[in-house]
């Protein structure tokens, strides 16, 4: 069982924390390679390596911090959320205003 839209991922990114985790559920839609690293579900060796790599690369980690925050601000802001939901509702009711 996997969460299709884990808010913990977005909360972490909003704080500038790169995400390292398994590519499961909705996480691959939220986390781009600029914001973190995802590995195959259950591949704990790859997960450990991804964490180690990020901890050992200050430059990459600092750049990812900026890009994480930017992605959340651009893709998951309140105005965009409202616009997307309004468009969906309009589509569902056949374009009626």
N, C-alpha and C. Protein backbone atom coordinates (compact mmCIF):
# COMPACT_ATOMS: atom_id res chain seq x y z
N UNK A 1 0.84 -1.17 0.00
CA UNK A 1 0.00 0.00 0.00
C UNK A 1 0.89 1.24 0.00
N UNK A 2 0.57 2.21 -0.85
CA UNK A 2 1.40 3.40 -0.96
C UNK A 2 0.53 4.64 -1.03
N UNK A 3 1.02 5.72 -0.48
CA UNK A 3 0.32 6.99 -0.49
C UNK A 3 0.47 7.63 -1.86
N UNK A 4 -0.63 8.05 -2.45
CA UNK A 4 -0.58 8.65 -3.78
C UNK A 4 -0.15 10.11 -3.77
N UNK A 5 -0.24 10.76 -2.61
CA UNK A 5 0.17 12.16 -2.52
C UNK A 5 0.68 12.44 -1.11
N UNK A 6 1.86 11.93 -0.79
CA UNK A 6 2.37 12.10 0.57
C UNK A 6 2.77 13.55 0.86
N UNK A 7 2.06 14.17 1.78
CA UNK A 7 2.36 15.57 2.10
C UNK A 7 3.71 15.73 2.80
N UNK A 8 4.18 14.69 3.43
CA UNK A 8 5.49 14.77 4.10
C UNK A 8 6.59 15.10 3.09
N UNK A 9 6.47 14.56 1.90
CA UNK A 9 7.45 14.84 0.85
C UNK A 9 7.43 16.33 0.51
N UNK A 10 6.25 16.89 0.29
CA UNK A 10 6.15 18.31 -0.06
C UNK A 10 6.57 19.20 1.10
N UNK A 11 6.22 18.81 2.31
CA UNK A 11 6.63 19.59 3.48
C UNK A 11 8.15 19.63 3.60
N UNK A 12 8.78 18.51 3.36
CA UNK A 12 10.25 18.45 3.41
C UNK A 12 10.86 19.34 2.33
N UNK A 13 10.33 19.22 1.12
CA UNK A 13 10.84 20.03 0.03
C UNK A 13 10.61 21.52 0.28
N UNK A 14 9.46 21.87 0.86
CA UNK A 14 9.16 23.27 1.16
C UNK A 14 10.16 23.85 2.16
N UNK A 15 10.70 22.99 3.01
CA UNK A 15 11.72 23.42 3.98
C UNK A 15 13.12 23.37 3.38
N UNK A 16 13.22 22.98 2.11
CA UNK A 16 14.52 22.91 1.46
C UNK A 16 15.28 21.63 1.75
N UNK A 17 14.56 20.58 2.07
CA UNK A 17 15.20 19.30 2.37
C UNK A 17 15.07 18.36 1.18
N UNK A 18 16.17 18.01 0.54
CA UNK A 18 16.10 17.05 -0.56
C UNK A 18 15.53 15.72 -0.07
N UNK A 19 14.80 15.05 -0.93
CA UNK A 19 14.14 13.80 -0.57
C UNK A 19 14.92 12.62 -1.11
N UNK A 20 15.19 11.67 -0.25
CA UNK A 20 15.78 10.40 -0.65
C UNK A 20 14.81 9.32 -0.18
N UNK A 21 14.35 8.51 -1.11
CA UNK A 21 13.38 7.49 -0.72
C UNK A 21 13.11 6.51 -1.83
N UNK A 22 12.06 5.73 -1.62
CA UNK A 22 11.67 4.73 -2.61
C UNK A 22 10.72 5.34 -3.64
N UNK A 23 10.86 4.91 -4.88
CA UNK A 23 10.00 5.36 -5.97
C UNK A 23 8.70 4.56 -5.92
N UNK A 24 7.78 5.03 -5.09
CA UNK A 24 6.54 4.30 -4.86
C UNK A 24 5.39 5.30 -4.72
N UNK A 25 4.19 4.86 -5.06
CA UNK A 25 3.02 5.73 -4.94
C UNK A 25 3.17 6.99 -5.77
N UNK A 26 2.82 8.12 -5.20
CA UNK A 26 2.88 9.39 -5.91
C UNK A 26 4.20 10.12 -5.78
N UNK A 27 5.14 9.53 -5.07
CA UNK A 27 6.42 10.21 -4.83
C UNK A 27 7.16 10.54 -6.13
N UNK A 28 7.22 9.64 -7.12
CA UNK A 28 7.94 10.00 -8.35
C UNK A 28 7.35 11.21 -9.08
N UNK A 29 6.07 11.50 -8.87
CA UNK A 29 5.48 12.69 -9.49
C UNK A 29 5.88 13.96 -8.75
N UNK A 30 6.21 13.83 -7.49
CA UNK A 30 6.56 15.00 -6.68
C UNK A 30 8.06 15.30 -6.72
N UNK A 31 8.87 14.29 -6.72
CA UNK A 31 10.32 14.46 -6.58
C UNK A 31 11.01 14.30 -7.94
N UNK A 32 11.58 15.38 -8.42
CA UNK A 32 12.38 15.32 -9.64
C UNK A 32 13.83 15.04 -9.25
N UNK A 33 14.65 14.73 -10.22
CA UNK A 33 16.06 14.44 -9.91
C UNK A 33 16.79 15.66 -9.36
N UNK A 34 16.24 16.86 -9.59
CA UNK A 34 16.84 18.07 -9.05
C UNK A 34 16.53 18.26 -7.56
N UNK A 35 15.53 17.52 -7.07
CA UNK A 35 15.06 17.70 -5.69
C UNK A 35 15.34 16.52 -4.79
N UNK A 36 15.91 15.48 -5.34
CA UNK A 36 16.18 14.31 -4.51
C UNK A 36 16.54 13.12 -5.36
N UNK A 37 16.57 11.98 -4.72
CA UNK A 37 16.91 10.75 -5.43
C UNK A 37 15.99 9.64 -4.95
N UNK A 38 15.37 8.97 -5.90
CA UNK A 38 14.48 7.85 -5.59
C UNK A 38 15.09 6.57 -6.11
N UNK A 39 14.87 5.51 -5.37
CA UNK A 39 15.40 4.20 -5.75
C UNK A 39 14.25 3.20 -5.79
N UNK A 40 14.51 2.06 -6.38
CA UNK A 40 13.49 1.02 -6.50
C UNK A 40 13.01 0.56 -5.12
N UNK A 41 11.73 0.30 -5.04
CA UNK A 41 11.13 -0.15 -3.79
C UNK A 41 11.85 -1.38 -3.24
N UNK A 42 12.27 -1.30 -2.00
CA UNK A 42 12.93 -2.42 -1.35
C UNK A 42 14.43 -2.49 -1.51
N UNK A 43 14.99 -1.66 -2.38
CA UNK A 43 16.44 -1.69 -2.61
C UNK A 43 17.15 -0.86 -1.54
N UNK A 44 17.31 -1.47 -0.39
CA UNK A 44 17.88 -0.75 0.76
C UNK A 44 19.35 -0.38 0.56
N UNK A 45 20.05 -1.18 -0.21
CA UNK A 45 21.46 -0.87 -0.50
C UNK A 45 21.54 0.43 -1.31
N UNK A 46 20.70 0.55 -2.34
CA UNK A 46 20.68 1.76 -3.15
C UNK A 46 20.21 2.96 -2.34
N UNK A 47 19.27 2.74 -1.44
CA UNK A 47 18.78 3.82 -0.58
C UNK A 47 19.91 4.34 0.32
N UNK A 48 20.63 3.43 0.93
CA UNK A 48 21.76 3.82 1.77
C UNK A 48 22.82 4.56 0.99
N UNK A 49 23.08 4.10 -0.22
CA UNK A 49 24.09 4.75 -1.06
C UNK A 49 23.63 6.15 -1.46
N UNK A 50 22.35 6.31 -1.78
CA UNK A 50 21.82 7.62 -2.16
C UNK A 50 21.94 8.60 -0.99
N UNK A 51 21.64 8.14 0.20
CA UNK A 51 21.76 9.00 1.39
C UNK A 51 23.22 9.39 1.61
N UNK A 52 24.11 8.42 1.54
CA UNK A 52 25.54 8.67 1.73
C UNK A 52 26.06 9.65 0.68
N UNK A 53 25.70 9.43 -0.58
CA UNK A 53 26.15 10.31 -1.65
C UNK A 53 25.72 11.76 -1.40
N UNK A 54 24.47 11.94 -1.01
CA UNK A 54 23.96 13.28 -0.78
C UNK A 54 24.63 13.94 0.43
N UNK A 55 24.84 13.18 1.48
CA UNK A 55 25.50 13.73 2.67
C UNK A 55 26.95 14.11 2.40
N UNK A 56 27.59 13.42 1.48
CA UNK A 56 29.00 13.68 1.17
C UNK A 56 29.22 14.74 0.10
N UNK A 57 28.17 15.24 -0.51
CA UNK A 57 28.30 16.22 -1.59
C UNK A 57 27.62 17.53 -1.19
N UNK A 58 28.38 18.39 -0.51
CA UNK A 58 27.82 19.65 -0.02
C UNK A 58 27.27 20.52 -1.14
N UNK A 59 27.98 20.60 -2.25
CA UNK A 59 27.55 21.44 -3.36
C UNK A 59 26.22 20.97 -3.92
N UNK A 60 26.10 19.69 -4.17
CA UNK A 60 24.86 19.14 -4.71
C UNK A 60 23.71 19.32 -3.72
N UNK A 61 23.98 19.08 -2.46
CA UNK A 61 22.95 19.19 -1.43
C UNK A 61 22.45 20.64 -1.32
N UNK A 62 23.35 21.60 -1.35
CA UNK A 62 22.96 23.01 -1.26
C UNK A 62 22.14 23.44 -2.47
N UNK A 63 22.52 22.97 -3.64
CA UNK A 63 21.76 23.30 -4.86
C UNK A 63 20.38 22.65 -4.81
N UNK A 64 20.32 21.42 -4.36
CA UNK A 64 19.02 20.73 -4.25
C UNK A 64 18.10 21.45 -3.26
N UNK A 65 18.67 21.97 -2.18
CA UNK A 65 17.86 22.70 -1.20
C UNK A 65 17.11 23.84 -1.86
N UNK A 66 17.80 24.60 -2.69
CA UNK A 66 17.18 25.72 -3.40
C UNK A 66 16.11 25.23 -4.37
N UNK A 67 16.44 24.19 -5.12
CA UNK A 67 15.53 23.68 -6.13
C UNK A 67 14.30 23.02 -5.53
N UNK A 68 14.45 22.40 -4.37
CA UNK A 68 13.29 21.80 -3.69
C UNK A 68 12.27 22.88 -3.34
N UNK A 69 12.75 23.91 -2.71
CA UNK A 69 11.87 25.01 -2.29
C UNK A 69 11.21 25.65 -3.52
N UNK A 70 11.98 25.88 -4.55
CA UNK A 70 11.46 26.50 -5.77
C UNK A 70 10.37 25.63 -6.40
N UNK A 71 10.58 24.33 -6.45
CA UNK A 71 9.59 23.43 -7.05
C UNK A 71 8.26 23.48 -6.30
N UNK A 72 8.32 23.46 -4.98
CA UNK A 72 7.08 23.53 -4.20
C UNK A 72 6.37 24.86 -4.43
N UNK A 73 7.13 25.95 -4.43
CA UNK A 73 6.53 27.27 -4.65
C UNK A 73 5.89 27.38 -6.03
N UNK A 74 6.49 26.77 -7.04
CA UNK A 74 5.98 26.88 -8.40
C UNK A 74 4.87 25.87 -8.73
N UNK A 75 4.99 24.66 -8.23
CA UNK A 75 4.07 23.59 -8.64
C UNK A 75 2.95 23.29 -7.65
N UNK A 76 3.13 23.69 -6.41
CA UNK A 76 2.15 23.32 -5.38
C UNK A 76 1.67 24.51 -4.57
N UNK A 77 1.64 25.69 -5.18
CA UNK A 77 1.17 26.87 -4.46
C UNK A 77 -0.36 26.93 -4.44
N UNK A 78 -0.89 27.73 -3.54
CA UNK A 78 -2.33 27.80 -3.34
C UNK A 78 -3.07 28.25 -4.60
N UNK A 79 -2.56 29.26 -5.28
CA UNK A 79 -3.24 29.77 -6.48
C UNK A 79 -3.33 28.69 -7.56
N UNK A 80 -2.26 27.99 -7.78
CA UNK A 80 -2.26 26.92 -8.77
C UNK A 80 -3.20 25.79 -8.35
N UNK A 81 -3.23 25.48 -7.08
CA UNK A 81 -4.14 24.47 -6.54
C UNK A 81 -5.59 24.85 -6.85
N UNK A 82 -5.94 26.10 -6.60
CA UNK A 82 -7.30 26.58 -6.86
C UNK A 82 -7.61 26.51 -8.35
N UNK A 83 -6.71 27.00 -9.19
CA UNK A 83 -6.93 26.99 -10.64
C UNK A 83 -7.13 25.58 -11.17
N UNK A 84 -6.31 24.65 -10.72
CA UNK A 84 -6.42 23.26 -11.19
C UNK A 84 -7.73 22.63 -10.75
N UNK A 85 -8.14 22.90 -9.54
CA UNK A 85 -9.40 22.34 -9.06
C UNK A 85 -10.60 22.96 -9.76
N UNK A 86 -10.57 24.26 -10.00
CA UNK A 86 -11.66 24.89 -10.74
C UNK A 86 -11.76 24.31 -12.15
N UNK A 87 -10.63 24.12 -12.80
CA UNK A 87 -10.64 23.53 -14.15
C UNK A 87 -11.22 22.13 -14.11
N UNK A 88 -10.86 21.36 -13.12
CA UNK A 88 -11.40 20.01 -12.99
C UNK A 88 -12.90 20.04 -12.76
N UNK A 89 -13.37 20.91 -11.87
CA UNK A 89 -14.80 21.00 -11.60
C UNK A 89 -15.57 21.43 -12.84
N UNK A 90 -15.02 22.39 -13.58
CA UNK A 90 -15.67 22.83 -14.82
C UNK A 90 -15.76 21.69 -15.83
N UNK A 91 -14.70 20.92 -15.92
CA UNK A 91 -14.69 19.78 -16.83
C UNK A 91 -15.74 18.75 -16.40
N UNK A 92 -15.86 18.52 -15.12
CA UNK A 92 -16.80 17.54 -14.61
C UNK A 92 -18.26 17.94 -14.82
N UNK A 93 -18.53 19.24 -14.81
CA UNK A 93 -19.91 19.69 -15.02
C UNK A 93 -20.15 20.11 -16.46
N UNK A 94 -19.27 19.73 -17.34
CA UNK A 94 -19.47 19.98 -18.77
C UNK A 94 -19.20 21.39 -19.22
N UNK A 95 -18.29 22.08 -18.54
CA UNK A 95 -17.89 23.41 -18.97
C UNK A 95 -18.84 24.51 -18.56
N UNK A 96 -19.85 24.20 -17.76
CA UNK A 96 -20.79 25.23 -17.31
C UNK A 96 -20.12 26.16 -16.32
N UNK A 97 -20.51 27.41 -16.37
CA UNK A 97 -19.99 28.42 -15.43
C UNK A 97 -20.85 28.49 -14.20
